[in-house]
Amino acid sequence: MDQESYKLQLAAVRREQKAAESQKAHLYELLEMGEYDLPTFRERMSVVKEKLARLEAKETDLLAAMDYELHRDPQAQAKKIAAVLDAYDTADIPQRNALLHSLIDHATYTKAKKTKPTDFALEFSLKPY
C-alpha cells in the first residue's frame, strides 16, 4: 500500500476517534441531566471506551505500517534473509534464536476456540532494512 492510502485510512480513524470522544462527552452530559442512571451510563461508556481502544490500536498499527513502508529496503531485506537462511542449518539453538530475532520484529499467534490444536495461524512482521 502506498503512503497516500495510509494517510486516508489514518484520517478516517482520527475522524472516528473524534466522533467517539464527542459521544463520550455526550454520555457525561446525559448522566448529569439525569437522563441516564448510573448502570446505563457505565454500560454505554464501556462500549465507547472499547471503541476508542480499538481505534487507538488501529491508529498505532497504521502509523507503524507507514513507518515500515517509508524505511524499508527490499534488496537489503532479501540479502539479510538469505544470510540468515544460509547460517540457520549449521547454527545451534541459541544461535538460531538470535538469527530469527535479527529478522522478525514481532509475531502474532491466533487460534479460534474449540478448534484442533494444529488449526492456528502465525503472522510474522519482519524488521525493516
C-alpha atoms as a PDB file:
ATOM      1  CA  MET A   1       0.000   0.000   0.000  1.00  0.00           C
ATOM      2  CA  ASP A   2       1.267   3.498  -0.714  1.00  0.00           C
ATOM      3  CA  GLN A   3       1.621   6.377   1.748  1.00  0.00           C
ATOM      4  CA  GLU A   4      -1.434   8.195   0.372  1.00  0.00           C
ATOM      5  CA  SER A   5      -3.798   5.315   1.133  1.00  0.00           C
ATOM      6  CA  TYR A   6      -2.308   5.012   4.623  1.00  0.00           C
ATOM      7  CA  LYS A   7      -2.897   8.735   5.142  1.00  0.00           C
ATOM      8  CA  LEU A   8      -6.520   8.392   4.044  1.00  0.00           C
ATOM      9  CA  GLN A   9      -7.078   5.473   6.411  1.00  0.00           C
ATOM     10  CA  LEU A  10      -5.395   7.366   9.236  1.00  0.00           C
ATOM     11  CA  ALA A  11      -7.591  10.411   8.633  1.00  0.00           C
ATOM     12  CA  ALA A  12     -10.693   8.195   8.730  1.00  0.00           C
ATOM     13  CA  VAL A  13      -9.588   6.608  12.007  1.00  0.00           C
ATOM     14  CA  ARG A  14      -8.931  10.021  13.529  1.00  0.00           C
ATOM     15  CA  ARG A  15     -12.389  11.230  12.451  1.00  0.00           C
ATOM     16  CA  GLU A  16     -13.910   8.178  14.135  1.00  0.00           C
ATOM     17  CA  GLN A  17     -11.867   8.891  17.264  1.00  0.00           C
ATOM     18  CA  LYS A  18     -13.126  12.474  17.335  1.00  0.00           C
ATOM     19  CA  ALA A  19     -16.720  11.271  16.959  1.00  0.00           C
ATOM     20  CA  ALA A  20     -16.254   8.726  19.768  1.00  0.00           C
ATOM     21  CA  GLU A  21     -14.770  11.392  22.041  1.00  0.00           C
ATOM     22  CA  SER A  22     -17.789  13.565  21.292  1.00  0.00           C
ATOM     23  CA  GLN A  23     -20.066  10.633  22.094  1.00  0.00           C
ATOM     24  CA  LYS A  24     -18.197  10.125  25.369  1.00  0.00           C
ATOM     25  CA  ALA A  25     -18.723  13.787  26.334  1.00  0.00           C
ATOM     26  CA  HIS A  26     -22.396  13.491  25.437  1.00  0.00           C
ATOM     27  CA  LEU A  27     -22.746  10.487  27.743  1.00  0.00           C
ATOM     28  CA  TYR A  28     -21.455  12.591  30.640  1.00  0.00           C
ATOM     29  CA  GLU A  29     -23.973  15.295  29.773  1.00  0.00           C
ATOM     30  CA  LEU A  30     -26.824  12.774  29.751  1.00  0.00           C
ATOM     31  CA  LEU A  31     -25.727  11.462  33.144  1.00  0.00           C
ATOM     32  CA  GLU A  32     -25.566  14.986  34.591  1.00  0.00           C
ATOM     33  CA  MET A  33     -29.021  15.849  33.215  1.00  0.00           C
ATOM     34  CA  GLY A  34     -30.444  12.710  34.805  1.00  0.00           C
ATOM     35  CA  GLU A  35     -31.389  11.063  31.504  1.00  0.00           C
ATOM     36  CA  TYR A  36     -29.208   8.043  32.304  1.00  0.00           C
ATOM     37  CA  ASP A  37     -28.981   6.145  35.537  1.00  0.00           C
ATOM     38  CA  LEU A  38     -25.525   5.024  36.647  1.00  0.00           C
ATOM     39  CA  PRO A  39     -25.722   1.400  35.352  1.00  0.00           C
ATOM     40  CA  THR A  40     -26.863   2.558  31.894  1.00  0.00           C
ATOM     41  CA  PHE A  41     -24.137   5.185  31.802  1.00  0.00           C
ATOM     42  CA  ARG A  42     -21.472   2.656  32.750  1.00  0.00           C
ATOM     43  CA  GLU A  43     -22.688   0.170  30.148  1.00  0.00           C
ATOM     44  CA  ARG A  44     -22.689   2.710  27.334  1.00  0.00           C
ATOM     45  CA  MET A  45     -19.414   4.258  28.449  1.00  0.00           C
ATOM     46  CA  SER A  46     -17.705   0.856  28.372  1.00  0.00           C
ATOM     47  CA  VAL A  47     -18.857   0.420  24.770  1.00  0.00           C
ATOM     48  CA  VAL A  48     -17.430   3.826  23.829  1.00  0.00           C
ATOM     49  CA  LYS A  49     -14.171   3.129  25.661  1.00  0.00           C
ATOM     50  CA  GLU A  50     -13.791  -0.207  23.852  1.00  0.00           C
ATOM     51  CA  LYS A  51     -14.376   1.554  20.547  1.00  0.00           C
ATOM     52  CA  LEU A  52     -11.751   4.161  21.407  1.00  0.00           C
ATOM     53  CA  ALA A  53      -9.268   1.442  22.382  1.00  0.00           C
ATOM     54  CA  ARG A  54      -9.836  -0.356  19.050  1.00  0.00           C
ATOM     55  CA  LEU A  55      -9.397   2.879  17.142  1.00  0.00           C
ATOM     56  CA  GLU A  56      -6.222   3.716  19.049  1.00  0.00           C
ATOM     57  CA  ALA A  57      -4.803   0.273  18.258  1.00  0.00           C
ATOM     58  CA  LYS A  58      -5.732   0.718  14.604  1.00  0.00           C
ATOM     59  CA  GLU A  59      -4.069   4.139  14.558  1.00  0.00           C
ATOM     60  CA  THR A  60      -0.904   2.669  16.090  1.00  0.00           C
ATOM     61  CA  ASP A  61      -0.878  -0.135  13.508  1.00  0.00           C
ATOM     62  CA  LEU A  62      -1.326   2.318  10.641  1.00  0.00           C
ATOM     63  CA  LEU A  63       1.461   4.563  11.899  1.00  0.00           C
ATOM     64  CA  ALA A  64       3.767   1.561  12.258  1.00  0.00           C
ATOM     65  CA  ALA A  65       2.886   0.350   8.752  1.00  0.00           C
ATOM     66  CA  MET A  66       3.515   3.829   7.335  1.00  0.00           C
ATOM     67  CA  ASP A  67       6.896   3.972   9.045  1.00  0.00           C
ATOM     68  CA  TYR A  68       7.762   0.472   7.843  1.00  0.00           C
ATOM     69  CA  GLU A  69       6.885   1.301   4.226  1.00  0.00           C
ATOM     70  CA  LEU A  70       8.820   4.541   4.410  1.00  0.00           C
ATOM     71  CA  HIS A  71      12.029   2.949   5.680  1.00  0.00           C
ATOM     72  CA  ARG A  72      12.067  -0.497   4.116  1.00  0.00           C
ATOM     73  CA  ASP A  73      14.653  -1.555   1.563  1.00  0.00           C
ATOM     74  CA  PRO A  74      13.572  -4.799  -0.187  1.00  0.00           C
ATOM     75  CA  GLN A  75      17.034  -5.570  -1.564  1.00  0.00           C
ATOM     76  CA  ALA A  76      18.729  -5.226   1.810  1.00  0.00           C
ATOM     77  CA  GLN A  77      15.966  -7.279   3.398  1.00  0.00           C
ATOM     78  CA  ALA A  78      16.379 -10.063   0.814  1.00  0.00           C
ATOM     79  CA  LYS A  79      20.140 -10.165   1.450  1.00  0.00           C
ATOM     80  CA  LYS A  80      19.575 -10.371   5.203  1.00  0.00           C
ATOM     81  CA  ILE A  81      17.044 -13.194   4.835  1.00  0.00           C
ATOM     82  CA  ALA A  82      19.387 -15.123   2.529  1.00  0.00           C
ATOM     83  CA  ALA A  83      22.253 -14.743   5.006  1.00  0.00           C
ATOM     84  CA  VAL A  84      20.090 -15.989   7.877  1.00  0.00           C
ATOM     85  CA  LEU A  85      18.884 -18.989   5.857  1.00  0.00           C
ATOM     86  CA  ASP A  86      22.465 -19.887   4.931  1.00  0.00           C
ATOM     87  CA  ALA A  87      23.605 -19.793   8.553  1.00  0.00           C
ATOM     88  CA  TYR A  88      20.485 -21.361  10.099  1.00  0.00           C
ATOM     89  CA  ASP A  89      21.193 -25.046   9.366  1.00  0.00           C
ATOM     90  CA  THR A  90      24.658 -25.041  10.919  1.00  0.00           C
ATOM     91  CA  ALA A  91      23.708 -22.933  13.963  1.00  0.00           C
ATOM     92  CA  ASP A  92      22.955 -24.311  17.425  1.00  0.00           C
ATOM     93  CA  ILE A  93      19.688 -23.482  19.194  1.00  0.00           C
ATOM     94  CA  PRO A  94      20.729 -20.165  20.833  1.00  0.00           C
ATOM     95  CA  GLN A  95      22.277 -19.010  17.549  1.00  0.00           C
ATOM     96  CA  ARG A  96      19.115 -19.971  15.631  1.00  0.00           C
ATOM     97  CA  ASN A  97      17.086 -17.961  18.117  1.00  0.00           C
ATOM     98  CA  ALA A  98      19.377 -14.964  17.626  1.00  0.00           C
ATOM     99  CA  LEU A  99      19.169 -15.332  13.838  1.00  0.00           C
ATOM    100  CA  LEU A 100      15.378 -15.351  13.918  1.00  0.00           C
ATOM    101  CA  HIS A 101      15.323 -12.364  16.278  1.00  0.00           C
ATOM    102  CA  SER A 102      17.522 -10.461  13.830  1.00  0.00           C
ATOM    103  CA  LEU A 103      14.792 -10.814  11.161  1.00  0.00           C
ATOM    104  CA  ILE A 104      11.464 -10.818  12.990  1.00  0.00           C
ATOM    105  CA  ASP A 105      10.056  -7.683  14.567  1.00  0.00           C
ATOM    106  CA  HIS A 106       7.084  -9.449  16.151  1.00  0.00           C
ATOM    107  CA  ALA A 107       4.894 -12.496  15.662  1.00  0.00           C
ATOM    108  CA  THR A 108       1.159 -12.896  16.202  1.00  0.00           C
ATOM    109  CA  TYR A 109      -0.420 -16.235  17.102  1.00  0.00           C
ATOM    110  CA  THR A 110      -4.153 -16.691  16.539  1.00  0.00           C
ATOM    111  CA  LYS A 111      -6.326 -19.724  17.148  1.00  0.00           C
ATOM    112  CA  ALA A 112     -10.085 -19.942  17.337  1.00  0.00           C
ATOM    113  CA  LYS A 113     -11.575 -21.504  20.450  1.00  0.00           C
ATOM    114  CA  LYS A 114     -12.547 -25.172  20.314  1.00  0.00           C
ATOM    115  CA  THR A 115     -10.557 -25.947  17.177  1.00  0.00           C
ATOM    116  CA  LYS A 116      -7.894 -28.538  16.520  1.00  0.00           C
ATOM    117  CA  PRO A 117      -4.510 -27.885  18.157  1.00  0.00           C
ATOM    118  CA  THR A 118      -2.951 -27.639  14.714  1.00  0.00           C
ATOM    119  CA  ASP A 119      -5.580 -25.183  13.441  1.00  0.00           C
ATOM    120  CA  PHE A 120      -3.810 -21.891  14.128  1.00  0.00           C
ATOM    121  CA  ALA A 121      -2.179 -19.040  12.263  1.00  0.00           C
ATOM    122  CA  LEU A 122       1.166 -17.347  12.759  1.00  0.00           C
ATOM    123  CA  GLU A 123       1.789 -13.916  11.325  1.00  0.00           C
ATOM    124  CA  PHE A 124       5.328 -12.555  11.273  1.00  0.00           C
ATOM    125  CA  SER A 125       6.339  -8.938  10.800  1.00  0.00           C
ATOM    126  CA  LEU A 126       9.869  -8.520   9.529  1.00  0.00           C
ATOM    127  CA  LYS A 127      12.164  -5.756  10.684  1.00  0.00           C
ATOM    128  CA  PRO A 128      12.649  -3.046   8.066  1.00  0.00           C
ATOM    129  CA  TYR A 129      16.018  -2.766   6.336  1.00  0.00           C
END
